[in-house]
Amino acid sequence: MVQSCVIEQELDRFTEHLKIVKRASPHTIRNYKSDIQQFLRFVVEAEADTLDYLLIRRFLAYLQKEGCARSSIARKIAAIRAFFRFLKKRGVIENDPTAAVVGPKQEKRLPKFLREDQMDTFLSAPNPEDPIGLRDRAIIETLYSTGLRVSELVALNVEDVIDSDEIRVIGKGAKERITLIGRAARESIAEYIENGRQILLSKAKKATNALFLNNRGGRITARSVGRIVDRYTAAIADGLKISPHTLRHTFATHMLAGGADLRTVQELLGHSSAATTQIYTHITKERLKQVYDKAHPRAKAQED
């Protein structure tokens, strides 16, 4: 069995590999490292002589006993599998013990999204008389108009959105794509740049071309965008939990419900596979069923 000190060194190399080669986000790298370290602690406590698939199965059983969600277990197995493939490629191990391991079957959960009336209420929540309110409305309009990931949104620069209905985006894995931005979002951004951004920029210690700025005039972070969305959640009275990703889901759902084809939405979202986008068709089908059941006089059997 490979010595623990060697494993620790290889884990550091693996995280660098994720950062430099795979261009993984800091969030992904942090989660992968934490998951692998948890597995390595389990190996030490189990006093195992061999790293084989049976040991990994024991780890799976341990996670299930601890009450881990299926999604969490699947992520941990993905991290461990990626790590051992990395070790095998480097010649540190001869066989990949994860090759015969199958993760838990995932529950199919439909993503949350906002109805059009909820979205209208949400968009009207920021104060248009305040620089922060102008910024916040522009952020929400842009997320809803483009379906951008929050990491893609915070990376935008002023020149990316000026005088164009197209935005060049660097997405996951440093993949570049062109997405579209609608009139309402462009107008909201223009008003923010003219009447809000300069005020925020005046507080900065150094110049920046970042589009969306924080209170100190620096580039806003993904975490701050999450807090901004939380701040206006109260505008929607039904208590629905909203995140920046909810607006991405809302964009996709409303596009498909409005007649856009799956391939177009896939391109705009930056999904590498249509299967990832397919989940939104289930949402629109459910909505169609609800409308049909409510509207058609003979859709349901009459009650006794």
Foldseek 3Di string as FASTA:
>chain_A
DDDPVVLVVLLVVVLVCCCPVQVDDPVLSVLLSVLVVVLVVQCVVVVDPDDALVSVVVVLVVCVVVVHDLVSQVSSLVSLQSSQVSCCVVVVDVDRRSPPPDGDDDDDDFAAADDPVLLVLLLPQFDLVALVSLLLSLLLLFCLFQLEDLVFLLPDFPVQLPPDQWGWTQDGSRDIAITGGDDVSSVSLVSSVVPHLVVQLVQEPDDDRGSRADNNNHRDDQVVSQVSSVVSPVSRPVPDDDGSNNSSLHNLLVCVLVPHDLVNNCRSNVPPDSVVSVSSVVVSVVVVLVCCCVPDPPSDDDDD
